[in-house]
């Protein structure tokens, strides 16, 4: 007796086959959306190269920003790729140092003003009432101050130390972050997770720093990137006016200021520092644009 033939089950259609879905964390989703923003990724790469140029370049380059060479007012060449100044200083070394100082100042401005503005705005949005009114009226007063005029007076009394210039500027721009954070916190403070934290006995400080601020991190990061670009432009303006970093040190603003009378005769002294100012400002703005798209949970389309 032979066994009955076994029935061969036909394969399931592709649409009916089970499939596994890999769960992604919030960080992975943000990173994926950011990497799809081509202009932001390219800007991030360029900004990293600029930072390496500013901080690693002086260690590899044969000239320093404070030494003079016999080559006075030389145009760009193989020996001096960016040319030289009237007193024989290598412009490439000067631009490296100027970029280094400008980047340090702008990053410190962004960190200090973002941290202070976040705490200020979160407190105003969470407590509301009289606290909100007092805190935001102070912030409004800081916003209407003429930044360049006040910063020029304060920075001039700090002997041009780069960190003092940074703190002065940060003390005048934090209010913009405070207003952004206040608006976000006002919309979050009535959410269910905040009510649950109150019901469990969480203190106001814990609710602000463990629940509200982390959920407002997207707008905070975007505001910080905007402050980096704003900071470098404000520092450039102060140094151009003579109230920022003081010689013998240098910054991109000082290089622009010293070269303004030589645009026609020695244009390389003006255009190379100006190019780096434009590159840094544009890169930071495009990075912020990409972060805004990546951190927005309602984003349905990533701009290319």
C-alpha atoms as a PDB file:
ATOM      1  CA  UNK A   1       0.000   0.000   0.000  1.00  0.00           C
ATOM      2  CA  UNK A   2       1.370   3.305  -0.988  1.00  0.00           C
ATOM      3  CA  UNK A   3       1.078   6.439   1.129  1.00  0.00           C
ATOM      4  CA  UNK A   4      -1.375   9.045  -0.077  1.00  0.00           C
ATOM      5  CA  UNK A   5       0.304  11.905  -1.871  1.00  0.00           C
ATOM      6  CA  UNK A   6       1.074  14.862   0.384  1.00  0.00           C
ATOM      7  CA  UNK A   7      -0.583  18.117  -0.472  1.00  0.00           C
ATOM      8  CA  UNK A   8       1.805  20.924  -1.202  1.00  0.00           C
ATOM      9  CA  UNK A   9       0.553  24.192   0.253  1.00  0.00           C
ATOM     10  CA  UNK A  10       0.818  27.072  -2.173  1.00  0.00           C
ATOM     11  CA  UNK A  11       2.925  30.002  -0.923  1.00  0.00           C
ATOM     12  CA  UNK A  12       1.025  32.916   0.492  1.00  0.00           C
ATOM     13  CA  UNK A  13       0.679  35.957  -1.703  1.00  0.00           C
ATOM     14  CA  UNK A  14       3.289  38.600  -0.980  1.00  0.00           C
ATOM     15  CA  UNK A  15       0.680  40.933   0.475  1.00  0.00           C
ATOM     16  CA  UNK A  16      -0.470  38.230   2.959  1.00  0.00           C
ATOM     17  CA  UNK A  17       3.007  37.186   4.150  1.00  0.00           C
ATOM     18  CA  UNK A  18       3.888  38.231   7.695  1.00  0.00           C
ATOM     19  CA  UNK A  19       6.641  40.824   8.052  1.00  0.00           C
ATOM     20  CA  UNK A  20       8.618  42.233  10.908  1.00  0.00           C
ATOM     21  CA  UNK A  21       8.753  45.933  11.663  1.00  0.00           C
ATOM     22  CA  UNK A  22      11.914  47.244  13.274  1.00  0.00           C
ATOM     23  CA  UNK A  23      11.054  49.689  15.999  1.00  0.00           C
ATOM     24  CA  UNK A  24      12.983  52.943  15.806  1.00  0.00           C
ATOM     25  CA  UNK A  25      13.713  55.216  18.705  1.00  0.00           C
ATOM     26  CA  UNK A  26      12.915  58.922  18.630  1.00  0.00           C
ATOM     27  CA  UNK A  27      16.616  59.699  18.171  1.00  0.00           C
ATOM     28  CA  UNK A  28      16.825  57.392  15.159  1.00  0.00           C
ATOM     29  CA  UNK A  29      13.761  59.004  13.593  1.00  0.00           C
ATOM     30  CA  UNK A  30      15.189  62.496  14.099  1.00  0.00           C
ATOM     31  CA  UNK A  31      18.559  61.450  12.678  1.00  0.00           C
ATOM     32  CA  UNK A  32      16.905  59.829   9.668  1.00  0.00           C
ATOM     33  CA  UNK A  33      14.862  62.935   8.883  1.00  0.00           C
ATOM     34  CA  UNK A  34      17.911  65.148   9.312  1.00  0.00           C
ATOM     35  CA  UNK A  35      20.045  63.003   6.985  1.00  0.00           C
ATOM     36  CA  UNK A  36      17.361  63.298   4.315  1.00  0.00           C
ATOM     37  CA  UNK A  37      17.767  67.087   4.411  1.00  0.00           C
ATOM     38  CA  UNK A  38      20.648  67.260   1.934  1.00  0.00           C
ATOM     39  CA  UNK A  39      21.398  70.949   2.327  1.00  0.00           C
ATOM     40  CA  UNK A  40      21.581  70.652   6.118  1.00  0.00           C
ATOM     41  CA  UNK A  41      23.892  67.643   5.938  1.00  0.00           C
ATOM     42  CA  UNK A  42      26.157  69.417   3.447  1.00  0.00           C
ATOM     43  CA  UNK A  43      26.184  72.508   5.672  1.00  0.00           C
ATOM     44  CA  UNK A  44      27.106  70.387   8.693  1.00  0.00           C
ATOM     45  CA  UNK A  45      30.035  68.875   6.800  1.00  0.00           C
ATOM     46  CA  UNK A  46      31.240  72.314   5.710  1.00  0.00           C
ATOM     47  CA  UNK A  47      30.916  73.665   9.262  1.00  0.00           C
ATOM     48  CA  UNK A  48      32.954  70.743  10.621  1.00  0.00           C
ATOM     49  CA  UNK A  49      35.651  71.471   8.034  1.00  0.00           C
ATOM     50  CA  UNK A  50      35.656  75.135   9.063  1.00  0.00           C
ATOM     51  CA  UNK A  51      36.080  74.152  12.730  1.00  0.00           C
ATOM     52  CA  UNK A  52      38.951  71.817  11.826  1.00  0.00           C
ATOM     53  CA  UNK A  53      40.489  74.599   9.733  1.00  0.00           C
ATOM     54  CA  UNK A  54      40.294  76.997  12.684  1.00  0.00           C
ATOM     55  CA  UNK A  55      41.495  74.726  15.485  1.00  0.00           C
ATOM     56  CA  UNK A  56      43.681  72.105  13.791  1.00  0.00           C
ATOM     57  CA  UNK A  57      45.027  74.240  10.945  1.00  0.00           C
ATOM     58  CA  UNK A  58      47.243  76.479  13.145  1.00  0.00           C
ATOM     59  CA  UNK A  59      48.971  73.373  14.494  1.00  0.00           C
ATOM     60  CA  UNK A  60      49.936  72.287  10.976  1.00  0.00           C
ATOM     61  CA  UNK A  61      50.612  75.622   9.274  1.00  0.00           C
ATOM     62  CA  UNK A  62      54.185  76.962   9.259  1.00  0.00           C
ATOM     63  CA  UNK A  63      53.223  80.584  10.066  1.00  0.00           C
ATOM     64  CA  UNK A  64      51.511  82.020  13.121  1.00  0.00           C
ATOM     65  CA  UNK A  65      49.107  84.934  13.314  1.00  0.00           C
ATOM     66  CA  UNK A  66      51.487  87.144  15.346  1.00  0.00           C
ATOM     67  CA  UNK A  67      54.729  86.707  13.365  1.00  0.00           C
ATOM     68  CA  UNK A  68      55.761  88.798  10.367  1.00  0.00           C
ATOM     69  CA  UNK A  69      57.535  87.688   7.206  1.00  0.00           C
ATOM     70  CA  UNK A  70      59.659  89.657   4.723  1.00  0.00           C
ATOM     71  CA  UNK A  71      56.821  89.375   2.172  1.00  0.00           C
ATOM     72  CA  UNK A  72      54.771  92.533   2.582  1.00  0.00           C
ATOM     73  CA  UNK A  73      51.422  92.954   0.794  1.00  0.00           C
ATOM     74  CA  UNK A  74      51.902  89.876  -1.366  1.00  0.00           C
ATOM     75  CA  UNK A  75      48.914  88.485  -3.327  1.00  0.00           C
ATOM     76  CA  UNK A  76      47.881  84.841  -2.881  1.00  0.00           C
ATOM     77  CA  UNK A  77      50.610  82.414  -3.895  1.00  0.00           C
ATOM     78  CA  UNK A  78      51.838  78.910  -3.099  1.00  0.00           C
ATOM     79  CA  UNK A  79      53.884  80.270  -0.207  1.00  0.00           C
ATOM     80  CA  UNK A  80      51.016  82.374   1.140  1.00  0.00           C
ATOM     81  CA  UNK A  81      47.712  80.917  -0.171  1.00  0.00           C
ATOM     82  CA  UNK A  82      45.687  83.869   1.178  1.00  0.00           C
ATOM     83  CA  UNK A  83      48.388  86.482   0.606  1.00  0.00           C
ATOM     84  CA  UNK A  84      50.012  88.712   3.234  1.00  0.00           C
ATOM     85  CA  UNK A  85      49.187  91.952   5.018  1.00  0.00           C
ATOM     86  CA  UNK A  86      51.019  95.245   4.835  1.00  0.00           C
ATOM     87  CA  UNK A  87      53.257  94.288   7.775  1.00  0.00           C
ATOM     88  CA  UNK A  88      54.100  90.873   6.302  1.00  0.00           C
ATOM     89  CA  UNK A  89      51.737  88.687   8.348  1.00  0.00           C
ATOM     90  CA  UNK A  90      50.412  85.580   6.648  1.00  0.00           C
ATOM     91  CA  UNK A  91      46.696  86.085   6.014  1.00  0.00           C
ATOM     92  CA  UNK A  92      45.929  82.355   6.134  1.00  0.00           C
ATOM     93  CA  UNK A  93      47.258  82.201   9.697  1.00  0.00           C
ATOM     94  CA  UNK A  94      45.279  85.328  10.576  1.00  0.00           C
ATOM     95  CA  UNK A  95      42.061  83.909   9.122  1.00  0.00           C
ATOM     96  CA  UNK A  96      42.597  80.668  11.046  1.00  0.00           C
ATOM     97  CA  UNK A  97      42.991  82.595  14.289  1.00  0.00           C
ATOM     98  CA  UNK A  98      40.109  84.940  13.480  1.00  0.00           C
ATOM     99  CA  UNK A  99      37.797  82.042  12.642  1.00  0.00           C
ATOM    100  CA  UNK A 100      38.831  80.276  15.848  1.00  0.00           C
ATOM    101  CA  UNK A 101      37.995  83.304  17.990  1.00  0.00           C
ATOM    102  CA  UNK A 102      34.743  84.035  16.190  1.00  0.00           C
ATOM    103  CA  UNK A 103      33.561  80.411  16.468  1.00  0.00           C
ATOM    104  CA  UNK A 104      34.425  80.258  20.189  1.00  0.00           C
ATOM    105  CA  UNK A 105      32.578  83.501  20.853  1.00  0.00           C
ATOM    106  CA  UNK A 106      29.477  82.498  18.882  1.00  0.00           C
ATOM    107  CA  UNK A 107      29.273  79.037  20.490  1.00  0.00           C
ATOM    108  CA  UNK A 108      29.659  80.448  24.006  1.00  0.00           C
ATOM    109  CA  UNK A 109      26.963  83.021  23.229  1.00  0.00           C
ATOM    110  CA  UNK A 110      24.617  80.264  22.079  1.00  0.00           C
ATOM    111  CA  UNK A 111      25.270  78.029  25.118  1.00  0.00           C
ATOM    112  CA  UNK A 112      24.941  80.736  27.779  1.00  0.00           C
ATOM    113  CA  UNK A 113      21.967  82.560  26.282  1.00  0.00           C
ATOM    114  CA  UNK A 114      20.122  79.308  25.490  1.00  0.00           C
ATOM    115  CA  UNK A 115      20.597  77.931  29.005  1.00  0.00           C
ATOM    116  CA  UNK A 116      19.546  81.153  30.721  1.00  0.00           C
ATOM    117  CA  UNK A 117      16.699  81.877  28.297  1.00  0.00           C
ATOM    118  CA  UNK A 118      15.355  78.336  28.640  1.00  0.00           C
ATOM    119  CA  UNK A 119      15.173  78.554  32.439  1.00  0.00           C
ATOM    120  CA  UNK A 120      13.654  82.047  32.299  1.00  0.00           C
ATOM    121  CA  UNK A 121      11.031  81.179  29.676  1.00  0.00           C
ATOM    122  CA  UNK A 122      10.146  77.838  31.274  1.00  0.00           C
ATOM    123  CA  UNK A 123       9.555  79.480  34.649  1.00  0.00           C
ATOM    124  CA  UNK A 124       7.406  82.199  33.089  1.00  0.00           C
ATOM    125  CA  UNK A 125       5.295  79.737  31.103  1.00  0.00           C
ATOM    126  CA  UNK A 126       4.853  77.283  33.949  1.00  0.00           C
ATOM    127  CA  UNK A 127       3.926  79.634  36.808  1.00  0.00           C
ATOM    128  CA  UNK A 128       2.006  82.160  34.671  1.00  0.00           C
ATOM    129  CA  UNK A 129       0.178  84.966  36.470  1.00  0.00           C
ATOM    130  CA  UNK A 130       2.286  87.599  38.201  1.00  0.00           C
ATOM    131  CA  UNK A 131       5.506  85.630  37.739  1.00  0.00           C
ATOM    132  CA  UNK A 132       4.932  85.411  34.001  1.00  0.00           C
ATOM    133  CA  UNK A 133       4.088  89.110  33.741  1.00  0.00           C
ATOM    134  CA  UNK A 134       7.188  90.245  35.652  1.00  0.00           C
ATOM    135  CA  UNK A 135       9.621  87.895  33.933  1.00  0.00           C
ATOM    136  CA  UNK A 136       8.402  88.634  30.420  1.00  0.00           C
ATOM    137  CA  UNK A 137       8.318  92.405  30.953  1.00  0.00           C
ATOM    138  CA  UNK A 138      11.996  92.179  31.901  1.00  0.00           C
ATOM    139  CA  UNK A 139      12.624  90.088  28.790  1.00  0.00           C
ATOM    140  CA  UNK A 140      10.773  92.651  26.671  1.00  0.00           C
ATOM    141  CA  UNK A 141      12.964  95.386  28.127  1.00  0.00           C
ATOM    142  CA  UNK A 142      16.107  93.461  27.150  1.00  0.00           C
ATOM    143  CA  UNK A 143      14.756  92.892  23.627  1.00  0.00           C
ATOM    144  CA  UNK A 144      14.260  96.587  22.926  1.00  0.00           C
ATOM    145  CA  UNK A 145      17.762  97.533  24.065  1.00  0.00           C
ATOM    146  CA  UNK A 146      20.047  98.563  21.174  1.00  0.00           C
ATOM    147  CA  UNK A 147      22.295  95.501  21.205  1.00  0.00           C
ATOM    148  CA  UNK A 148      25.281  96.998  19.412  1.00  0.00           C
ATOM    149  CA  UNK A 149      25.301 100.185  21.475  1.00  0.00           C
ATOM    150  CA  UNK A 150      25.025  98.459  24.857  1.00  0.00           C
ATOM    151  CA  UNK A 151      27.408  95.657  23.896  1.00  0.00           C
ATOM    152  CA  UNK A 152      29.937  98.182  22.628  1.00  0.00           C
ATOM    153  CA  UNK A 153      29.958 100.039  25.964  1.00  0.00           C
ATOM    154  CA  UNK A 154      30.145  96.877  28.089  1.00  0.00           C
ATOM    155  CA  UNK A 155      32.608  95.025  25.872  1.00  0.00           C
ATOM    156  CA  UNK A 156      34.895  98.051  25.726  1.00  0.00           C
ATOM    157  CA  UNK A 157      35.251  97.912  29.511  1.00  0.00           C
ATOM    158  CA  UNK A 158      36.203  94.214  29.411  1.00  0.00           C
ATOM    159  CA  UNK A 159      39.562  94.814  27.677  1.00  0.00           C
ATOM    160  CA  UNK A 160      38.432  92.743  24.699  1.00  0.00           C
ATOM    161  CA  UNK A 161      38.701  89.308  26.357  1.00  0.00           C
ATOM    162  CA  UNK A 162      36.816  86.952  24.058  1.00  0.00           C
ATOM    163  CA  UNK A 163      34.877  85.299  26.882  1.00  0.00           C
ATOM    164  CA  UNK A 164      33.805  88.662  28.298  1.00  0.00           C
ATOM    165  CA  UNK A 165      32.621  89.762  24.852  1.00  0.00           C
ATOM    166  CA  UNK A 166      30.648  86.503  24.637  1.00  0.00           C
ATOM    167  CA  UNK A 167      28.993  86.989  28.027  1.00  0.00           C
ATOM    168  CA  UNK A 168      28.064  90.588  27.217  1.00  0.00           C
ATOM    169  CA  UNK A 169      26.380  89.597  23.951  1.00  0.00           C
ATOM    170  CA  UNK A 170      24.712  86.565  25.573  1.00  0.00           C
ATOM    171  CA  UNK A 171      23.267  88.850  28.231  1.00  0.00           C
ATOM    172  CA  UNK A 172      21.501  90.811  25.494  1.00  0.00           C
ATOM    173  CA  UNK A 173      20.109  88.004  23.282  1.00  0.00           C
ATOM    174  CA  UNK A 174      18.805  85.419  25.779  1.00  0.00           C
ATOM    175  CA  UNK A 175      15.352  87.031  25.780  1.00  0.00           C
ATOM    176  CA  UNK A 176      14.608  85.690  22.291  1.00  0.00           C
ATOM    177  CA  UNK A 177      15.048  82.116  23.555  1.00  0.00           C
ATOM    178  CA  UNK A 178      12.961  82.908  26.628  1.00  0.00           C
ATOM    179  CA  UNK A 179       9.969  83.959  24.510  1.00  0.00           C
ATOM    180  CA  UNK A 180      10.188  80.811  22.381  1.00  0.00           C
ATOM    181  CA  UNK A 181      10.416  78.509  25.402  1.00  0.00           C
ATOM    182  CA  UNK A 182       7.598  80.324  27.225  1.00  0.00           C
ATOM    183  CA  UNK A 183       5.245  79.772  24.291  1.00  0.00           C
ATOM    184  CA  UNK A 184       6.052  76.062  24.119  1.00  0.00           C
ATOM    185  CA  UNK A 185       5.726  75.566  27.879  1.00  0.00           C
ATOM    186  CA  UNK A 186       2.354  77.323  27.941  1.00  0.00           C
ATOM    187  CA  UNK A 187       1.047  74.714  25.502  1.00  0.00           C
ATOM    188  CA  UNK A 188       2.617  71.800  27.404  1.00  0.00           C
ATOM    189  CA  UNK A 189       1.783  72.633  31.017  1.00  0.00           C
ATOM    190  CA  UNK A 190      -1.838  71.460  30.690  1.00  0.00           C
ATOM    191  CA  UNK A 191      -0.975  68.133  29.056  1.00  0.00           C
ATOM    192  CA  UNK A 192      -1.810  64.837  30.715  1.00  0.00           C
ATOM    193  CA  UNK A 193       1.766  63.868  31.585  1.00  0.00           C
ATOM    194  CA  UNK A 194       2.204  67.118  33.541  1.00  0.00           C
ATOM    195  CA  UNK A 195      -1.037  66.513  35.442  1.00  0.00           C
ATOM    196  CA  UNK A 196       0.131  62.961  36.189  1.00  0.00           C
ATOM    197  CA  UNK A 197       3.450  64.272  37.520  1.00  0.00           C
ATOM    198  CA  UNK A 198       1.611  66.714  39.811  1.00  0.00           C
ATOM    199  CA  UNK A 199      -0.654  63.923  41.053  1.00  0.00           C
ATOM    200  CA  UNK A 200       2.413  61.833  41.925  1.00  0.00           C
ATOM    201  CA  UNK A 201       3.786  64.674  44.030  1.00  0.00           C
ATOM    202  CA  UNK A 202       6.511  65.953  41.697  1.00  0.00           C
ATOM    203  CA  UNK A 203       7.903  69.354  42.622  1.00  0.00           C
ATOM    204  CA  UNK A 204       7.667  72.339  40.301  1.00  0.00           C
ATOM    205  CA  UNK A 205      11.392  72.169  39.572  1.00  0.00           C
ATOM    206  CA  UNK A 206      11.163  68.479  38.651  1.00  0.00           C
ATOM    207  CA  UNK A 207       8.195  69.085  36.363  1.00  0.00           C
ATOM    208  CA  UNK A 208      10.010  71.934  34.604  1.00  0.00           C
ATOM    209  CA  UNK A 209      13.393  70.236  34.137  1.00  0.00           C
ATOM    210  CA  UNK A 210      12.330  66.594  33.762  1.00  0.00           C
ATOM    211  CA  UNK A 211       9.093  66.955  31.789  1.00  0.00           C
ATOM    212  CA  UNK A 212       8.605  70.371  30.178  1.00  0.00           C
ATOM    213  CA  UNK A 213      12.113  71.306  29.034  1.00  0.00           C
ATOM    214  CA  UNK A 214      12.858  67.884  27.434  1.00  0.00           C
ATOM    215  CA  UNK A 215       9.597  68.104  25.480  1.00  0.00           C
ATOM    216  CA  UNK A 216      10.542  71.583  24.273  1.00  0.00           C
ATOM    217  CA  UNK A 217      14.044  70.541  23.187  1.00  0.00           C
ATOM    218  CA  UNK A 218      13.231  70.858  19.468  1.00  0.00           C
ATOM    219  CA  UNK A 219      12.480  74.597  19.451  1.00  0.00           C
ATOM    220  CA  UNK A 220      15.309  75.149  21.942  1.00  0.00           C
ATOM    221  CA  UNK A 221      17.911  73.534  19.683  1.00  0.00           C
ATOM    222  CA  UNK A 222      16.677  75.485  16.672  1.00  0.00           C
ATOM    223  CA  UNK A 223      16.834  78.735  18.657  1.00  0.00           C
ATOM    224  CA  UNK A 224      20.397  77.871  19.724  1.00  0.00           C
ATOM    225  CA  UNK A 225      21.536  77.407  16.123  1.00  0.00           C
ATOM    226  CA  UNK A 226      20.034  80.759  15.209  1.00  0.00           C
ATOM    227  CA  UNK A 227      21.954  82.339  18.096  1.00  0.00           C
ATOM    228  CA  UNK A 228      25.229  80.899  16.781  1.00  0.00           C
ATOM    229  CA  UNK A 229      24.731  82.720  13.484  1.00  0.00           C
ATOM    230  CA  UNK A 230      23.514  85.871  15.211  1.00  0.00           C
ATOM    231  CA  UNK A 231      26.396  85.764  17.666  1.00  0.00           C
ATOM    232  CA  UNK A 232      29.090  85.658  15.027  1.00  0.00           C
ATOM    233  CA  UNK A 233      27.481  88.540  13.137  1.00  0.00           C
ATOM    234  CA  UNK A 234      27.168  90.653  16.294  1.00  0.00           C
ATOM    235  CA  UNK A 235      30.768  89.887  17.274  1.00  0.00           C
ATOM    236  CA  UNK A 236      31.890  90.793  13.766  1.00  0.00           C
ATOM    237  CA  UNK A 237      30.061  94.105  13.987  1.00  0.00           C
ATOM    238  CA  UNK A 238      31.563  94.882  17.411  1.00  0.00           C
ATOM    239  CA  UNK A 239      35.079  94.004  16.287  1.00  0.00           C
ATOM    240  CA  UNK A 240      34.570  96.038  13.131  1.00  0.00           C
ATOM    241  CA  UNK A 241      33.687  99.037  15.310  1.00  0.00           C
ATOM    242  CA  UNK A 242      36.663  98.375  17.572  1.00  0.00           C
ATOM    243  CA  UNK A 243      34.723  97.186  20.644  1.00  0.00           C
ATOM    244  CA  UNK A 244      35.204  93.432  20.331  1.00  0.00           C
ATOM    245  CA  UNK A 245      38.384  91.364  20.452  1.00  0.00           C
ATOM    246  CA  UNK A 246      41.364  93.685  20.780  1.00  0.00           C
ATOM    247  CA  UNK A 247      44.811  93.498  19.113  1.00  0.00           C
ATOM    248  CA  UNK A 248      47.285  91.833  19.201  1.00  0.00           C
ATOM    249  CA  UNK A 249      44.642  89.107  19.074  1.00  0.00           C
ATOM    250  CA  UNK A 250      42.355  89.042  16.069  1.00  0.00           C
ATOM    251  CA  UNK A 251      38.928  87.972  14.827  1.00  0.00           C
ATOM    252  CA  UNK A 252      37.170  87.971  11.484  1.00  0.00           C
ATOM    253  CA  UNK A 253      35.582  91.316  12.334  1.00  0.00           C
ATOM    254  CA  UNK A 254      38.970  92.894  13.030  1.00  0.00           C
ATOM    255  CA  UNK A 255      40.376  91.559   9.751  1.00  0.00           C
ATOM    256  CA  UNK A 256      37.430  93.033   7.863  1.00  0.00           C
ATOM    257  CA  UNK A 257      37.818  96.353   9.662  1.00  0.00           C
ATOM    258  CA  UNK A 258      41.544  96.598   8.943  1.00  0.00           C
ATOM    259  CA  UNK A 259      41.050  95.717   5.269  1.00  0.00           C
ATOM    260  CA  UNK A 260      38.156  98.061   4.495  1.00  0.00           C
ATOM    261  CA  UNK A 261      40.491 100.702   3.032  1.00  0.00           C
ATOM    262  CA  UNK A 262      42.346  98.157   0.885  1.00  0.00           C
ATOM    263  CA  UNK A 263      39.417  96.627  -0.987  1.00  0.00           C
ATOM    264  CA  UNK A 264      40.510  98.128  -4.300  1.00  0.00           C
ATOM    265  CA  UNK A 265      44.278  97.704  -3.966  1.00  0.00           C
ATOM    266  CA  UNK A 266      44.582  94.459  -1.934  1.00  0.00           C
ATOM    267  CA  UNK A 267      41.182  92.759  -2.192  1.00  0.00           C
ATOM    268  CA  UNK A 268      42.386  89.447  -0.745  1.00  0.00           C
ATOM    269  CA  UNK A 269      42.669  91.084   2.687  1.00  0.00           C
ATOM    270  CA  UNK A 270      38.931  91.789   2.649  1.00  0.00           C
ATOM    271  CA  UNK A 271      37.340  88.935   0.747  1.00  0.00           C
ATOM    272  CA  UNK A 272      38.908  85.919   2.485  1.00  0.00           C
ATOM    273  CA  UNK A 273      37.733  86.886   6.020  1.00  0.00           C
ATOM    274  CA  UNK A 274      34.372  87.964   4.569  1.00  0.00           C
ATOM    275  CA  UNK A 275      33.997  84.596   2.850  1.00  0.00           C
ATOM    276  CA  UNK A 276      34.412  82.738   6.140  1.00  0.00           C
ATOM    277  CA  UNK A 277      31.881  84.961   7.887  1.00  0.00           C
ATOM    278  CA  UNK A 278      29.338  84.226   5.147  1.00  0.00           C
ATOM    279  CA  UNK A 279      30.095  80.489   5.164  1.00  0.00           C
ATOM    280  CA  UNK A 280      29.703  80.153   8.935  1.00  0.00           C
ATOM    281  CA  UNK A 281      26.461  82.130   9.036  1.00  0.00           C
ATOM    282  CA  UNK A 282      24.921  80.230   6.107  1.00  0.00           C
ATOM    283  CA  UNK A 283      26.002  76.803   7.365  1.00  0.00           C
ATOM    284  CA  UNK A 284      24.580  77.382  10.828  1.00  0.00           C
ATOM    285  CA  UNK A 285      21.294  78.685   9.414  1.00  0.00           C
ATOM    286  CA  UNK A 286      20.912  75.677   7.102  1.00  0.00           C
ATOM    287  CA  UNK A 287      21.765  73.293   9.961  1.00  0.00           C
ATOM    288  CA  UNK A 288      19.072  74.955  12.046  1.00  0.00           C
ATOM    289  CA  UNK A 289      16.636  74.588   9.157  1.00  0.00           C
ATOM    290  CA  UNK A 290      17.376  70.861   8.978  1.00  0.00           C
ATOM    291  CA  UNK A 291      17.031  70.433  12.733  1.00  0.00           C
ATOM    292  CA  UNK A 292      13.682  72.207  12.691  1.00  0.00           C
ATOM    293  CA  UNK A 293      12.375  69.814  10.063  1.00  0.00           C
ATOM    294  CA  UNK A 294      13.839  66.767  11.816  1.00  0.00           C
ATOM    295  CA  UNK A 295      12.557  67.659  15.279  1.00  0.00           C
ATOM    296  CA  UNK A 296       9.050  68.578  14.150  1.00  0.00           C
ATOM    297  CA  UNK A 297       6.866  65.522  14.903  1.00  0.00           C
ATOM    298  CA  UNK A 298       4.178  66.810  12.529  1.00  0.00           C
ATOM    299  CA  UNK A 299       6.626  67.001   9.637  1.00  0.00           C
ATOM    300  CA  UNK A 300       5.172  65.148   6.649  1.00  0.00           C
ATOM    301  CA  UNK A 301       7.707  66.130   4.035  1.00  0.00           C
ATOM    302  CA  UNK A 302      11.423  66.706   4.334  1.00  0.00           C
ATOM    303  CA  UNK A 303      12.630  69.595   2.224  1.00  0.00           C
ATOM    304  CA  UNK A 304      15.515  68.822  -0.075  1.00  0.00           C
END
